Amino acid sequence: MRHIFAIGGIPGTGKTTLVKNALDNLAIDWEPAKPADLLDGVYSKSRNCYVFGKYAPWYDVEGYAQGTDKLSMAVQPKAIEFIAQTDASIIFEGDRLFTASLLETCLDLADTELHVMILESNDVEQRYKDRGSVQSDKFIRGRKTKYNNIAKNFLLWENIETHKHNTVEDTDSIVRYMEITL
C-alpha cells in the first residue's frame, strides 16, 4: 500500500517547514527528480517516495517560498497523470497541488491511502511578520475559504486529518506519524 500525504493550510501554518523536516528525517538518500514535465521534486529509493516541489539543498531556492510554490501554475494535470501511473508514495504541500480535484482523483487510486493533512497554527500573523510576507488580506481570506471548502468536502471527509502545528514538538510529532505510516 502506498501513501499520499497532501499537506495544506493557510499561509504561515508551516507547510514548507514540515516538509523540510520530513526530508531531514524520513530518508538519507533523497535525489533530485523530474518525474514528469513541469513536476520537480526529490525521490528516495529506500522509501520509494517522491516529495514534489523544489527544496534546498537540491534546488537553488531559499526562504519560505520553496516547495510547490516554485512549480509552474500549470503543473496539476502533469502531477495527476504521474500520480495515477506510479506505485511510489508521495508527499506534497501547498496551493499548486492541494486542490479538491487532485485530492478526489487520489481517492480512486488502487492500493493507495490518502492523508489530507490540514495544518492549523495559532501564530500565523507573527509568522507573516517574521518572514516579511507581502500576501494581501484578500489572498489570505481566499486561502481560508479554499481550505474550509476542502475540509467540508463530503468525498474527502474520511481522509481529512487536522494537525495543530505551533511548536517544534508538533512538527516532530507529525513527521513521526508520517514515518510510521510510510
C-alpha atoms as a PDB file:
ATOM      1  CA  MET A   1       0.000   0.000   0.000  1.00  0.00           C
ATOM      2  CA  ARG A   2       1.344   3.393  -0.925  1.00  0.00           C
ATOM      3  CA  HIS A   3       0.528   6.609   0.903  1.00  0.00           C
ATOM      4  CA  ILE A   4      -0.142  10.095  -0.402  1.00  0.00           C
ATOM      5  CA  PHE A   5       0.368  12.881   2.124  1.00  0.00           C
ATOM      6  CA  ALA A   6      -1.288  16.061   0.859  1.00  0.00           C
ATOM      7  CA  ILE A   7      -0.351  18.893   3.239  1.00  0.00           C
ATOM      8  CA  GLY A   8      -2.407  22.068   3.189  1.00  0.00           C
ATOM      9  CA  GLY A   9      -3.180  25.069   5.324  1.00  0.00           C
ATOM     10  CA  ILE A  10      -3.379  28.812   5.046  1.00  0.00           C
ATOM     11  CA  PRO A  11      -0.088  30.668   4.546  1.00  0.00           C
ATOM     12  CA  GLY A  12       2.006  30.681   7.703  1.00  0.00           C
ATOM     13  CA  THR A  13       0.858  27.337   9.121  1.00  0.00           C
ATOM     14  CA  GLY A  14       4.260  25.769   8.461  1.00  0.00           C
ATOM     15  CA  LYS A  15       3.681  23.566   5.428  1.00  0.00           C
ATOM     16  CA  THR A  16       7.155  24.119   3.996  1.00  0.00           C
ATOM     17  CA  THR A  17       8.757  23.820   7.439  1.00  0.00           C
ATOM     18  CA  LEU A  18       7.011  20.477   7.940  1.00  0.00           C
ATOM     19  CA  VAL A  19       8.129  19.074   4.591  1.00  0.00           C
ATOM     20  CA  LYS A  20      11.710  20.264   5.064  1.00  0.00           C
ATOM     21  CA  ASN A  21      11.741  18.494   8.441  1.00  0.00           C
ATOM     22  CA  ALA A  22      10.322  15.350   6.813  1.00  0.00           C
ATOM     23  CA  LEU A  23      13.090  15.476   4.203  1.00  0.00           C
ATOM     24  CA  ASP A  24      15.661  15.667   7.001  1.00  0.00           C
ATOM     25  CA  ASN A  25      14.172  12.733   8.910  1.00  0.00           C
ATOM     26  CA  LEU A  26      12.410  10.269   6.610  1.00  0.00           C
ATOM     27  CA  ALA A  27      15.377   9.195   4.469  1.00  0.00           C
ATOM     28  CA  ILE A  28      19.014   9.941   3.721  1.00  0.00           C
ATOM     29  CA  ASP A  29      19.018   9.068   0.027  1.00  0.00           C
ATOM     30  CA  TRP A  30      16.928  11.906  -1.451  1.00  0.00           C
ATOM     31  CA  GLU A  31      17.940  12.789  -5.010  1.00  0.00           C
ATOM     32  CA  PRO A  32      16.583  15.481  -7.334  1.00  0.00           C
ATOM     33  CA  ALA A  33      13.888  14.070  -9.604  1.00  0.00           C
ATOM     34  CA  LYS A  34      11.738  15.214 -12.501  1.00  0.00           C
ATOM     35  CA  PRO A  35       9.030  12.548 -12.668  1.00  0.00           C
ATOM     36  CA  ALA A  36       7.002  14.466 -15.270  1.00  0.00           C
ATOM     37  CA  ASP A  37       7.138  17.611 -17.368  1.00  0.00           C
ATOM     38  CA  LEU A  38       6.786  20.669 -15.064  1.00  0.00           C
ATOM     39  CA  LEU A  39       6.988  18.420 -11.978  1.00  0.00           C
ATOM     40  CA  ASP A  40      10.199  18.716  -9.969  1.00  0.00           C
ATOM     41  CA  GLY A  41      10.929  17.133  -6.634  1.00  0.00           C
ATOM     42  CA  VAL A  42      13.138  14.676  -4.833  1.00  0.00           C
ATOM     43  CA  TYR A  43      12.982  10.892  -4.646  1.00  0.00           C
ATOM     44  CA  SER A  44      14.088   8.366  -2.029  1.00  0.00           C
ATOM     45  CA  LYS A  45      14.687   4.881  -3.398  1.00  0.00           C
ATOM     46  CA  SER A  46      14.829   3.385   0.115  1.00  0.00           C
ATOM     47  CA  ARG A  47      11.341   4.759   0.874  1.00  0.00           C
ATOM     48  CA  ASN A  48      10.034   4.584  -2.717  1.00  0.00           C
ATOM     49  CA  CYS A  49       8.735   8.070  -2.067  1.00  0.00           C
ATOM     50  CA  TYR A  50       8.599  11.335  -4.012  1.00  0.00           C
ATOM     51  CA  VAL A  51       8.358  14.774  -2.453  1.00  0.00           C
ATOM     52  CA  PHE A  52       7.005  17.209  -5.023  1.00  0.00           C
ATOM     53  CA  GLY A  53       8.453  20.720  -5.103  1.00  0.00           C
ATOM     54  CA  LYS A  54      11.806  22.462  -5.129  1.00  0.00           C
ATOM     55  CA  TYR A  55      13.644  22.393  -1.819  1.00  0.00           C
ATOM     56  CA  ALA A  56      17.165  23.395  -0.795  1.00  0.00           C
ATOM     57  CA  PRO A  57      19.767  21.922  -0.999  1.00  0.00           C
ATOM     58  CA  TRP A  58      18.630  20.012  -4.102  1.00  0.00           C
ATOM     59  CA  TYR A  59      17.426  23.160  -5.857  1.00  0.00           C
ATOM     60  CA  ASP A  60      18.625  26.750  -5.853  1.00  0.00           C
ATOM     61  CA  VAL A  61      15.888  28.145  -3.602  1.00  0.00           C
ATOM     62  CA  GLU A  62      15.825  29.820  -0.220  1.00  0.00           C
ATOM     63  CA  GLY A  63      13.455  31.243   2.352  1.00  0.00           C
ATOM     64  CA  TYR A  64       9.868  30.267   2.957  1.00  0.00           C
ATOM     65  CA  ALA A  65       8.887  30.244  -0.753  1.00  0.00           C
ATOM     66  CA  GLN A  66      10.144  26.751  -1.502  1.00  0.00           C
ATOM     67  CA  GLY A  67       8.305  23.565  -2.343  1.00  0.00           C
ATOM     68  CA  THR A  68       5.433  23.578  -4.788  1.00  0.00           C
ATOM     69  CA  ASP A  69       5.390  27.403  -4.791  1.00  0.00           C
ATOM     70  CA  LYS A  70       8.355  27.088  -7.165  1.00  0.00           C
ATOM     71  CA  LEU A  71       6.492  24.860  -9.632  1.00  0.00           C
ATOM     72  CA  SER A  72       4.559  26.035 -12.671  1.00  0.00           C
ATOM     73  CA  MET A  73       0.940  27.059 -12.189  1.00  0.00           C
ATOM     74  CA  ALA A  74       0.202  24.505 -14.942  1.00  0.00           C
ATOM     75  CA  VAL A  75       1.693  21.538 -13.020  1.00  0.00           C
ATOM     76  CA  GLN A  76      -1.513  19.954 -11.697  1.00  0.00           C
ATOM     77  CA  PRO A  77      -2.514  17.887 -14.793  1.00  0.00           C
ATOM     78  CA  LYS A  78       1.047  16.533 -15.083  1.00  0.00           C
ATOM     79  CA  ALA A  79       1.068  15.663 -11.376  1.00  0.00           C
ATOM     80  CA  ILE A  80      -2.280  13.855 -11.633  1.00  0.00           C
ATOM     81  CA  GLU A  81      -1.032  11.858 -14.616  1.00  0.00           C
ATOM     82  CA  PHE A  82       2.160  10.861 -12.795  1.00  0.00           C
ATOM     83  CA  ILE A  83       0.398  10.018  -9.506  1.00  0.00           C
ATOM     84  CA  ALA A  84      -2.010   7.741 -11.377  1.00  0.00           C
ATOM     85  CA  GLN A  85       0.765   5.717 -13.021  1.00  0.00           C
ATOM     86  CA  THR A  86       3.330   5.351 -10.199  1.00  0.00           C
ATOM     87  CA  ASP A  87       3.292   2.985  -7.245  1.00  0.00           C
ATOM     88  CA  ALA A  88       5.501   5.287  -5.132  1.00  0.00           C
ATOM     89  CA  SER A  89       4.331   7.096  -2.030  1.00  0.00           C
ATOM     90  CA  ILE A  90       4.066  10.861  -2.448  1.00  0.00           C
ATOM     91  CA  ILE A  91       4.308  13.922  -0.216  1.00  0.00           C
ATOM     92  CA  PHE A  92       3.345  17.419  -1.340  1.00  0.00           C
ATOM     93  CA  GLU A  93       2.255  20.704   0.180  1.00  0.00           C
ATOM     94  CA  GLY A  94       0.826  23.987  -0.943  1.00  0.00           C
ATOM     95  CA  ASP A  95      -1.695  25.567  -3.253  1.00  0.00           C
ATOM     96  CA  ARG A  96      -0.363  24.330  -6.589  1.00  0.00           C
ATOM     97  CA  LEU A  97      -1.411  20.749  -5.866  1.00  0.00           C
ATOM     98  CA  PHE A  98      -3.625  20.856  -2.772  1.00  0.00           C
ATOM     99  CA  THR A  99      -6.889  21.130  -4.688  1.00  0.00           C
ATOM    100  CA  ALA A 100     -10.184  19.303  -4.352  1.00  0.00           C
ATOM    101  CA  SER A 101      -9.920  17.909  -7.882  1.00  0.00           C
ATOM    102  CA  LEU A 102      -6.461  16.398  -7.340  1.00  0.00           C
ATOM    103  CA  LEU A 103      -7.409  15.040  -3.913  1.00  0.00           C
ATOM    104  CA  GLU A 104     -10.625  13.496  -5.255  1.00  0.00           C
ATOM    105  CA  THR A 105      -8.631  11.863  -8.084  1.00  0.00           C
ATOM    106  CA  CYS A 106      -6.340  10.261  -5.485  1.00  0.00           C
ATOM    107  CA  LEU A 107      -9.341   8.695  -3.739  1.00  0.00           C
ATOM    108  CA  ASP A 108      -9.973   6.453  -6.753  1.00  0.00           C
ATOM    109  CA  LEU A 109      -6.438   5.041  -6.996  1.00  0.00           C
ATOM    110  CA  ALA A 110      -5.954   1.371  -6.172  1.00  0.00           C
ATOM    111  CA  ASP A 111      -3.719   0.371  -3.258  1.00  0.00           C
ATOM    112  CA  THR A 112      -3.476   3.991  -2.109  1.00  0.00           C
ATOM    113  CA  GLU A 113      -4.186   5.576   1.245  1.00  0.00           C
ATOM    114  CA  LEU A 114      -4.765   9.311   1.034  1.00  0.00           C
ATOM    115  CA  HIS A 115      -3.931  11.545   4.008  1.00  0.00           C
ATOM    116  CA  VAL A 116      -5.380  15.047   3.569  1.00  0.00           C
ATOM    117  CA  MET A 117      -3.419  16.864   6.267  1.00  0.00           C
ATOM    118  CA  ILE A 118      -4.670  20.361   7.074  1.00  0.00           C
ATOM    119  CA  LEU A 119      -2.294  22.297   9.315  1.00  0.00           C
ATOM    120  CA  GLU A 120      -3.545  24.828  11.839  1.00  0.00           C
ATOM    121  CA  SER A 121      -1.415  27.320  13.750  1.00  0.00           C
ATOM    122  CA  ASN A 122      -2.157  29.927  16.384  1.00  0.00           C
ATOM    123  CA  ASP A 123       0.731  32.143  15.289  1.00  0.00           C
ATOM    124  CA  VAL A 124       0.231  32.879  11.574  1.00  0.00           C
ATOM    125  CA  GLU A 125       0.200  36.670  11.925  1.00  0.00           C
ATOM    126  CA  GLN A 126       3.567  36.605  13.735  1.00  0.00           C
ATOM    127  CA  ARG A 127       4.956  34.232  11.103  1.00  0.00           C
ATOM    128  CA  TYR A 128       3.865  36.680   8.363  1.00  0.00           C
ATOM    129  CA  LYS A 129       5.790  39.457  10.131  1.00  0.00           C
ATOM    130  CA  ASP A 130       8.863  37.277  10.796  1.00  0.00           C
ATOM    131  CA  ARG A 131       9.226  36.259   7.174  1.00  0.00           C
ATOM    132  CA  GLY A 132       8.272  39.590   5.637  1.00  0.00           C
ATOM    133  CA  SER A 133       5.174  38.227   3.923  1.00  0.00           C
ATOM    134  CA  VAL A 134       3.538  40.506   1.369  1.00  0.00           C
ATOM    135  CA  GLN A 135       0.374  38.474   0.787  1.00  0.00           C
ATOM    136  CA  SER A 136      -2.753  40.602   0.868  1.00  0.00           C
ATOM    137  CA  ASP A 137      -5.612  40.132   3.318  1.00  0.00           C
ATOM    138  CA  LYS A 138      -7.823  39.283   0.344  1.00  0.00           C
ATOM    139  CA  PHE A 139      -5.439  36.485  -0.687  1.00  0.00           C
ATOM    140  CA  ILE A 140      -5.334  35.113   2.878  1.00  0.00           C
ATOM    141  CA  ARG A 141      -9.153  35.165   3.095  1.00  0.00           C
ATOM    142  CA  GLY A 142      -9.282  33.285  -0.224  1.00  0.00           C
ATOM    143  CA  ARG A 143      -6.945  30.604   1.135  1.00  0.00           C
ATOM    144  CA  LYS A 144      -9.076  30.262   4.282  1.00  0.00           C
ATOM    145  CA  THR A 145     -12.139  29.741   2.114  1.00  0.00           C
ATOM    146  CA  LYS A 146     -10.323  27.170  -0.019  1.00  0.00           C
ATOM    147  CA  TYR A 147      -9.218  25.083   2.967  1.00  0.00           C
ATOM    148  CA  ASN A 148     -12.599  25.365   4.674  1.00  0.00           C
ATOM    149  CA  ASN A 149     -14.261  24.087   1.493  1.00  0.00           C
ATOM    150  CA  ILE A 150     -11.853  21.151   1.230  1.00  0.00           C
ATOM    151  CA  ALA A 151     -12.374  20.319   4.921  1.00  0.00           C
ATOM    152  CA  LYS A 152     -16.144  20.229   4.281  1.00  0.00           C
ATOM    153  CA  ASN A 153     -15.864  18.163   1.069  1.00  0.00           C
ATOM    154  CA  PHE A 154     -18.107  15.147   1.616  1.00  0.00           C
ATOM    155  CA  LEU A 155     -15.981  12.907  -0.612  1.00  0.00           C
ATOM    156  CA  LEU A 156     -12.827  13.688   1.380  1.00  0.00           C
ATOM    157  CA  TRP A 157     -14.230  13.613   4.943  1.00  0.00           C
ATOM    158  CA  GLU A 158     -12.829  10.207   5.844  1.00  0.00           C
ATOM    159  CA  ASN A 159      -9.352  11.271   4.709  1.00  0.00           C
ATOM    160  CA  ILE A 160      -9.188  14.696   6.380  1.00  0.00           C
ATOM    161  CA  GLU A 161      -6.679  14.982   9.234  1.00  0.00           C
ATOM    162  CA  THR A 162      -6.330  18.263  11.122  1.00  0.00           C
ATOM    163  CA  HIS A 163      -2.932  18.768  12.753  1.00  0.00           C
ATOM    164  CA  LYS A 164      -2.018  21.522  15.216  1.00  0.00           C
ATOM    165  CA  HIS A 165       1.324  22.976  14.091  1.00  0.00           C
ATOM    166  CA  ASN A 166       2.520  25.511  16.627  1.00  0.00           C
ATOM    167  CA  THR A 167       5.786  24.149  18.010  1.00  0.00           C
ATOM    168  CA  VAL A 168       8.881  22.184  17.058  1.00  0.00           C
ATOM    169  CA  GLU A 169       7.367  19.311  19.030  1.00  0.00           C
ATOM    170  CA  ASP A 170       4.250  19.466  16.824  1.00  0.00           C
ATOM    171  CA  THR A 171       6.456  19.265  13.729  1.00  0.00           C
ATOM    172  CA  ASP A 172       8.355  16.294  15.149  1.00  0.00           C
ATOM    173  CA  SER A 173       5.126  14.524  16.068  1.00  0.00           C
ATOM    174  CA  ILE A 174       3.652  14.929  12.571  1.00  0.00           C
ATOM    175  CA  VAL A 175       6.879  13.725  10.938  1.00  0.00           C
ATOM    176  CA  ARG A 176       6.951  10.675  13.253  1.00  0.00           C
ATOM    177  CA  TYR A 177       3.365   9.917  12.219  1.00  0.00           C
ATOM    178  CA  MET A 178       4.387  10.122   8.557  1.00  0.00           C
ATOM    179  CA  GLU A 179       7.436   7.914   9.185  1.00  0.00           C
ATOM    180  CA  ILE A 180       5.410   5.224  10.928  1.00  0.00           C
ATOM    181  CA  THR A 181       2.745   5.336   8.222  1.00  0.00           C
ATOM    182  CA  LEU A 182       5.187   5.139   5.323  1.00  0.00           C
END
